[in-house]
Amino acid sequence: MARYDEEGRKIEAAVHEIGGDLRDLSLSDLNERVAILKDEIQRIEAIIERKGNSISAAESFFKS
């Protein structure tokens, strides 16, 4: 979801820094970061699953 300032300029989303200070973020910003991080976790888990499947397939092929 794009955000805009008072003059209609697009506000770029902040990059989340692991361990960074969160005290000055609004509740909305914190919820947005949680959503972004959950999406990133799903993306990483999908890659892990694909790599695991590739390794299993290779191991099965070479055992034959």
PDB file of N, CA and C in Angstrom:
ATOM      1  N   MET A   1       0.849  -1.164   0.000  1.00  0.00           N
ATOM      2  CA  MET A   1       0.000   0.000   0.000  1.00  0.00           C
ATOM      3  C   MET A   1       0.901   1.236   0.000  1.00  0.00           C
ATOM      4  N   ALA A   2       0.723   2.065  -1.011  1.00  0.00           N
ATOM      5  CA  ALA A   2       1.536   3.273  -1.125  1.00  0.00           C
ATOM      6  C   ALA A   2       1.035   4.345  -0.161  1.00  0.00           C
ATOM      7  N   ARG A   3       1.976   5.107   0.368  1.00  0.00           N
ATOM      8  CA  ARG A   3       1.634   6.227   1.255  1.00  0.00           C
ATOM      9  C   ARG A   3       2.137   7.505   0.620  1.00  0.00           C
ATOM     10  N   TYR A   4       1.422   8.616   0.903  1.00  0.00           N
ATOM     11  CA  TYR A   4       1.756   9.902   0.309  1.00  0.00           C
ATOM     12  C   TYR A   4       1.812  10.977   1.388  1.00  0.00           C
ATOM     13  N   ASP A   5       2.669  11.971   1.178  1.00  0.00           N
ATOM     14  CA  ASP A   5       2.745  13.075   2.128  1.00  0.00           C
ATOM     15  C   ASP A   5       1.656  14.104   1.822  1.00  0.00           C
ATOM     16  N   GLU A   6       1.655  15.216   2.560  1.00  0.00           N
ATOM     17  CA  GLU A   6       0.615  16.243   2.416  1.00  0.00           C
ATOM     18  C   GLU A   6       0.583  16.853   1.020  1.00  0.00           C
ATOM     19  N   GLU A   7       1.700  16.821   0.329  1.00  0.00           N
ATOM     20  CA  GLU A   7       1.787  17.419  -1.006  1.00  0.00           C
ATOM     21  C   GLU A   7       1.598  16.395  -2.112  1.00  0.00           C
ATOM     22  N   GLY A   8       1.205  15.182  -1.759  1.00  0.00           N
ATOM     23  CA  GLY A   8       0.928  14.154  -2.753  1.00  0.00           C
ATOM     24  C   GLY A   8       2.139  13.392  -3.255  1.00  0.00           C
ATOM     25  N   ARG A   9       3.310  13.607  -2.626  1.00  0.00           N
ATOM     26  CA  ARG A   9       4.503  12.866  -3.026  1.00  0.00           C
ATOM     27  C   ARG A   9       4.498  11.505  -2.348  1.00  0.00           C
ATOM     28  N   LYS A  10       4.891  10.505  -3.107  1.00  0.00           N
ATOM     29  CA  LYS A  10       4.938   9.148  -2.573  1.00  0.00           C
ATOM     30  C   LYS A  10       6.025   9.036  -1.508  1.00  0.00           C
ATOM     31  N   ILE A  11       5.681   8.432  -0.381  1.00  0.00           N
ATOM     32  CA  ILE A  11       6.634   8.194   0.698  1.00  0.00           C
ATOM     33  C   ILE A  11       7.167   6.775   0.526  1.00  0.00           C
ATOM     34  N   GLU A  12       8.459   6.677   0.368  1.00  0.00           N
ATOM     35  CA  GLU A  12       9.075   5.358   0.214  1.00  0.00           C
ATOM     36  C   GLU A  12       9.040   4.617   1.543  1.00  0.00           C
ATOM     37  N   ALA A  13       8.753   3.334   1.467  1.00  0.00           N
ATOM     38  CA  ALA A  13       8.709   2.508   2.674  1.00  0.00           C
ATOM     39  C   ALA A  13      10.110   2.401   3.272  1.00  0.00           C
ATOM     40  N   ALA A  14      10.175   2.483   4.559  1.00  0.00           N
ATOM     41  CA  ALA A  14      11.461   2.353   5.248  1.00  0.00           C
ATOM     42  C   ALA A  14      11.929   0.905   5.179  1.00  0.00           C
ATOM     43  N   VAL A  15      13.213   0.737   5.065  1.00  0.00           N
ATOM     44  CA  VAL A  15      13.796  -0.594   5.095  1.00  0.00           C
ATOM     45  C   VAL A  15      13.889  -1.011   6.554  1.00  0.00           C
ATOM     46  N   HIS A  16      13.439  -2.220   6.838  1.00  0.00           N
ATOM     47  CA  HIS A  16      13.490  -2.681   8.225  1.00  0.00           C
ATOM     48  C   HIS A  16      14.897  -3.153   8.546  1.00  0.00           C
ATOM     49  N   GLU A  17      15.434  -2.644   9.621  1.00  0.00           N
ATOM     50  CA  GLU A  17      16.757  -3.046  10.085  1.00  0.00           C
ATOM     51  C   GLU A  17      16.574  -3.928  11.311  1.00  0.00           C
ATOM     52  N   ILE A  18      17.044  -5.159  11.216  1.00  0.00           N
ATOM     53  CA  ILE A  18      16.930  -6.085  12.337  1.00  0.00           C
ATOM     54  C   ILE A  18      17.651  -5.479  13.539  1.00  0.00           C
ATOM     55  N   GLY A  19      16.970  -5.405  14.657  1.00  0.00           N
ATOM     56  CA  GLY A  19      17.552  -4.863  15.881  1.00  0.00           C
ATOM     57  C   GLY A  19      17.488  -3.357  15.972  1.00  0.00           C
ATOM     58  N   GLY A  20      16.882  -2.713  14.971  1.00  0.00           N
ATOM     59  CA  GLY A  20      16.796  -1.253  14.967  1.00  0.00           C
ATOM     60  C   GLY A  20      15.816  -0.734  16.019  1.00  0.00           C
ATOM     61  N   ASP A  21      15.909   0.551  16.317  1.00  0.00           N
ATOM     62  CA  ASP A  21      15.050   1.204  17.298  1.00  0.00           C
ATOM     63  C   ASP A  21      13.637   1.329  16.738  1.00  0.00           C
ATOM     64  N   LEU A  22      12.647   0.809  17.438  1.00  0.00           N
ATOM     65  CA  LEU A  22      11.259   0.833  16.991  1.00  0.00           C
ATOM     66  C   LEU A  22      10.400   1.811  17.781  1.00  0.00           C
ATOM     67  N   ARG A  23      10.977   2.464  18.771  1.00  0.00           N
ATOM     68  CA  ARG A  23      10.197   3.309  19.675  1.00  0.00           C
ATOM     69  C   ARG A  23       9.475   4.458  18.998  1.00  0.00           C
ATOM     70  N   ASP A  24      10.038   5.007  17.948  1.00  0.00           N
ATOM     71  CA  ASP A  24       9.436   6.175  17.304  1.00  0.00           C
ATOM     72  C   ASP A  24       8.437   5.821  16.208  1.00  0.00           C
ATOM     73  N   LEU A  25       8.231   4.532  15.947  1.00  0.00           N
ATOM     74  CA  LEU A  25       7.301   4.120  14.898  1.00  0.00           C
ATOM     75  C   LEU A  25       5.869   4.110  15.427  1.00  0.00           C
ATOM     76  N   SER A  26       4.935   4.454  14.545  1.00  0.00           N
ATOM     77  CA  SER A  26       3.520   4.422  14.922  1.00  0.00           C
ATOM     78  C   SER A  26       3.034   2.980  14.944  1.00  0.00           C
ATOM     79  N   LEU A  27       1.881   2.781  15.521  1.00  0.00           N
ATOM     80  CA  LEU A  27       1.270   1.450  15.555  1.00  0.00           C
ATOM     81  C   LEU A  27       1.048   0.945  14.133  1.00  0.00           C
ATOM     82  N   SER A  28       0.624   1.830  13.255  1.00  0.00           N
ATOM     83  CA  SER A  28       0.421   1.473  11.851  1.00  0.00           C
ATOM     84  C   SER A  28       1.732   1.033  11.199  1.00  0.00           C
ATOM     85  N   ASP A  29       2.796   1.771  11.440  1.00  0.00           N
ATOM     86  CA  ASP A  29       4.107   1.419  10.888  1.00  0.00           C
ATOM     87  C   ASP A  29       4.586   0.070  11.419  1.00  0.00           C
ATOM     88  N   LEU A  30       4.367  -0.170  12.696  1.00  0.00           N
ATOM     89  CA  LEU A  30       4.781  -1.446  13.282  1.00  0.00           C
ATOM     90  C   LEU A  30       4.004  -2.601  12.670  1.00  0.00           C
ATOM     91  N   ASN A  31       2.705  -2.424  12.508  1.00  0.00           N
ATOM     92  CA  ASN A  31       1.889  -3.475  11.887  1.00  0.00           C
ATOM     93  C   ASN A  31       2.306  -3.726  10.444  1.00  0.00           C
ATOM     94  N   GLU A  32       2.662  -2.659   9.748  1.00  0.00           N
ATOM     95  CA  GLU A  32       3.126  -2.798   8.366  1.00  0.00           C
ATOM     96  C   GLU A  32       4.428  -3.592   8.314  1.00  0.00           C
ATOM     97  N   ARG A  33       5.307  -3.316   9.236  1.00  0.00           N
ATOM     98  CA  ARG A  33       6.580  -4.055   9.270  1.00  0.00           C
ATOM     99  C   ARG A  33       6.367  -5.525   9.603  1.00  0.00           C
ATOM    100  N   VAL A  34       5.435  -5.802  10.505  1.00  0.00           N
ATOM    101  CA  VAL A  34       5.123  -7.201  10.821  1.00  0.00           C
ATOM    102  C   VAL A  34       4.636  -7.917   9.565  1.00  0.00           C
ATOM    103  N   ALA A  35       3.754  -7.275   8.819  1.00  0.00           N
ATOM    104  CA  ALA A  35       3.231  -7.881   7.586  1.00  0.00           C
ATOM    105  C   ALA A  35       4.356  -8.119   6.579  1.00  0.00           C
ATOM    106  N   ILE A  36       5.242  -7.141   6.438  1.00  0.00           N
ATOM    107  CA  ILE A  36       6.367  -7.276   5.508  1.00  0.00           C
ATOM    108  C   ILE A  36       7.268  -8.439   5.922  1.00  0.00           C
ATOM    109  N   LEU A  37       7.554  -8.531   7.211  1.00  0.00           N
ATOM    110  CA  LEU A  37       8.423  -9.602   7.698  1.00  0.00           C
ATOM    111  C   LEU A  37       7.760 -10.974   7.559  1.00  0.00           C
ATOM    112  N   LYS A  38       6.455 -11.058   7.792  1.00  0.00           N
ATOM    113  CA  LYS A  38       5.744 -12.331   7.598  1.00  0.00           C
ATOM    114  C   LYS A  38       5.805 -12.766   6.137  1.00  0.00           C
ATOM    115  N   ASP A  39       5.619 -11.821   5.218  1.00  0.00           N
ATOM    116  CA  ASP A  39       5.727 -12.130   3.790  1.00  0.00           C
ATOM    117  C   ASP A  39       7.131 -12.619   3.447  1.00  0.00           C
ATOM    118  N   GLU A  40       8.129 -11.980   4.031  1.00  0.00           N
ATOM    119  CA  GLU A  40       9.509 -12.376   3.770  1.00  0.00           C
ATOM    120  C   GLU A  40       9.791 -13.771   4.325  1.00  0.00           C
ATOM    121  N   ILE A  41       9.246 -14.089   5.487  1.00  0.00           N
ATOM    122  CA  ILE A  41       9.411 -15.428   6.062  1.00  0.00           C
ATOM    123  C   ILE A  41       8.791 -16.468   5.141  1.00  0.00           C
ATOM    124  N   GLN A  42       7.606 -16.196   4.621  1.00  0.00           N
ATOM    125  CA  GLN A  42       6.964 -17.141   3.693  1.00  0.00           C
ATOM    126  C   GLN A  42       7.803 -17.327   2.439  1.00  0.00           C
ATOM    127  N   ARG A  43       8.371 -16.259   1.935  1.00  0.00           N
ATOM    128  CA  ARG A  43       9.210 -16.343   0.738  1.00  0.00           C
ATOM    129  C   ARG A  43      10.446 -17.204   1.009  1.00  0.00           C
ATOM    130  N   ILE A  44      11.068 -17.003   2.151  1.00  0.00           N
ATOM    131  CA  ILE A  44      12.259 -17.781   2.514  1.00  0.00           C
ATOM    132  C   ILE A  44      11.899 -19.245   2.721  1.00  0.00           C
ATOM    133  N   GLU A  45      10.780 -19.511   3.404  1.00  0.00           N
ATOM    134  CA  GLU A  45      10.367 -20.896   3.630  1.00  0.00           C
ATOM    135  C   GLU A  45      10.074 -21.615   2.317  1.00  0.00           C
ATOM    136  N   ALA A  46       9.517 -20.920   1.337  1.00  0.00           N
ATOM    137  CA  ALA A  46       9.250 -21.529   0.031  1.00  0.00           C
ATOM    138  C   ALA A  46      10.558 -21.907  -0.662  1.00  0.00           C
ATOM    139  N   ILE A  47      11.568 -21.042  -0.550  1.00  0.00           N
ATOM    140  CA  ILE A  47      12.872 -21.343  -1.145  1.00  0.00           C
ATOM    141  C   ILE A  47      13.518 -22.524  -0.435  1.00  0.00           C
ATOM    142  N   ILE A  48      13.411 -22.565   0.884  1.00  0.00           N
ATOM    143  CA  ILE A  48      13.962 -23.688   1.650  1.00  0.00           C
ATOM    144  C   ILE A  48      13.310 -24.993   1.205  1.00  0.00           C
ATOM    145  N   GLU A  49      11.987 -24.974   1.032  1.00  0.00           N
ATOM    146  CA  GLU A  49      11.276 -26.178   0.603  1.00  0.00           C
ATOM    147  C   GLU A  49      11.725 -26.619  -0.792  1.00  0.00           C
ATOM    148  N   ARG A  50      11.852 -25.665  -1.725  1.00  0.00           N
ATOM    149  CA  ARG A  50      12.297 -26.011  -3.086  1.00  0.00           C
ATOM    150  C   ARG A  50      13.698 -26.596  -3.070  1.00  0.00           C
ATOM    151  N   LYS A  51      14.587 -26.003  -2.272  1.00  0.00           N
ATOM    152  CA  LYS A  51      15.959 -26.514  -2.208  1.00  0.00           C
ATOM    153  C   LYS A  51      15.983 -27.898  -1.581  1.00  0.00           C
ATOM    154  N   GLY A  52      15.160 -28.095  -0.547  1.00  0.00           N
ATOM    155  CA  GLY A  52      15.083 -29.413   0.081  1.00  0.00           C
ATOM    156  C   GLY A  52      14.569 -30.461  -0.883  1.00  0.00           C
ATOM    157  N   ASN A  53      13.569 -30.096  -1.693  1.00  0.00           N
ATOM    158  CA  ASN A  53      13.044 -31.024  -2.693  1.00  0.00           C
ATOM    159  C   ASN A  53      14.094 -31.350  -3.742  1.00  0.00           C
ATOM    160  N   SER A  54      14.880 -30.366  -4.143  1.00  0.00           N
ATOM    161  CA  SER A  54      15.942 -30.590  -5.132  1.00  0.00           C
ATOM    162  C   SER A  54      16.997 -31.540  -4.580  1.00  0.00           C
ATOM    163  N   ILE A  55      17.357 -31.356  -3.329  1.00  0.00           N
ATOM    164  CA  ILE A  55      18.361 -32.227  -2.707  1.00  0.00           C
ATOM    165  C   ILE A  55      17.823 -33.649  -2.595  1.00  0.00           C
ATOM    166  N   SER A  56      16.569 -33.783  -2.187  1.00  0.00           N
ATOM    167  CA  SER A  56      15.966 -35.121  -2.070  1.00  0.00           C
ATOM    168  C   SER A  56      15.918 -35.808  -3.427  1.00  0.00           C
ATOM    169  N   ALA A  57      15.557 -35.074  -4.463  1.00  0.00           N
ATOM    170  CA  ALA A  57      15.499 -35.649  -5.805  1.00  0.00           C
ATOM    171  C   ALA A  57      16.887 -36.082  -6.265  1.00  0.00           C
ATOM    172  N   ALA A  58      17.892 -35.268  -6.002  1.00  0.00           N
ATOM    173  CA  ALA A  58      19.254 -35.610  -6.392  1.00  0.00           C
ATOM    174  C   ALA A  58      19.741 -36.837  -5.629  1.00  0.00           C
ATOM    175  N   GLU A  59      19.461 -36.893  -4.335  1.00  0.00           N
ATOM    176  CA  GLU A  59      19.878 -38.050  -3.534  1.00  0.00           C
ATOM    177  C   GLU A  59      19.205 -39.327  -4.039  1.00  0.00           C
ATOM    178  N   SER A  60      17.917 -39.243  -4.377  1.00  0.00           N
ATOM    179  CA  SER A  60      17.198 -40.409  -4.899  1.00  0.00           C
ATOM    180  C   SER A  60      17.778 -40.848  -6.235  1.00  0.00           C
ATOM    181  N   PHE A  61      18.113 -39.900  -7.083  1.00  0.00           N
ATOM    182  CA  PHE A  61      18.667 -40.210  -8.397  1.00  0.00           C
ATOM    183  C   PHE A  61      20.011 -40.938  -8.279  1.00  0.00           C
ATOM    184  N   PHE A  62      20.861 -40.445  -7.384  1.00  0.00           N
ATOM    185  CA  PHE A  62      22.187 -41.027  -7.272  1.00  0.00           C
ATOM    186  C   PHE A  62      22.217 -42.321  -6.449  1.00  0.00           C
ATOM    187  N   LYS A  63      21.166 -42.609  -5.703  1.00  0.00           N
ATOM    188  CA  LYS A  63      21.087 -43.881  -4.965  1.00  0.00           C
ATOM    189  C   LYS A  63      20.700 -45.024  -5.902  1.00  0.00           C
ATOM    190  N   SER A  64      20.044 -44.685  -6.992  1.00  0.00           N
ATOM    191  CA  SER A  64      19.573 -45.718  -7.928  1.00  0.00           C
ATOM    192  C   SER A  64      20.675 -46.340  -8.716  1.00  0.00           C
TER     193      SER A  64
END
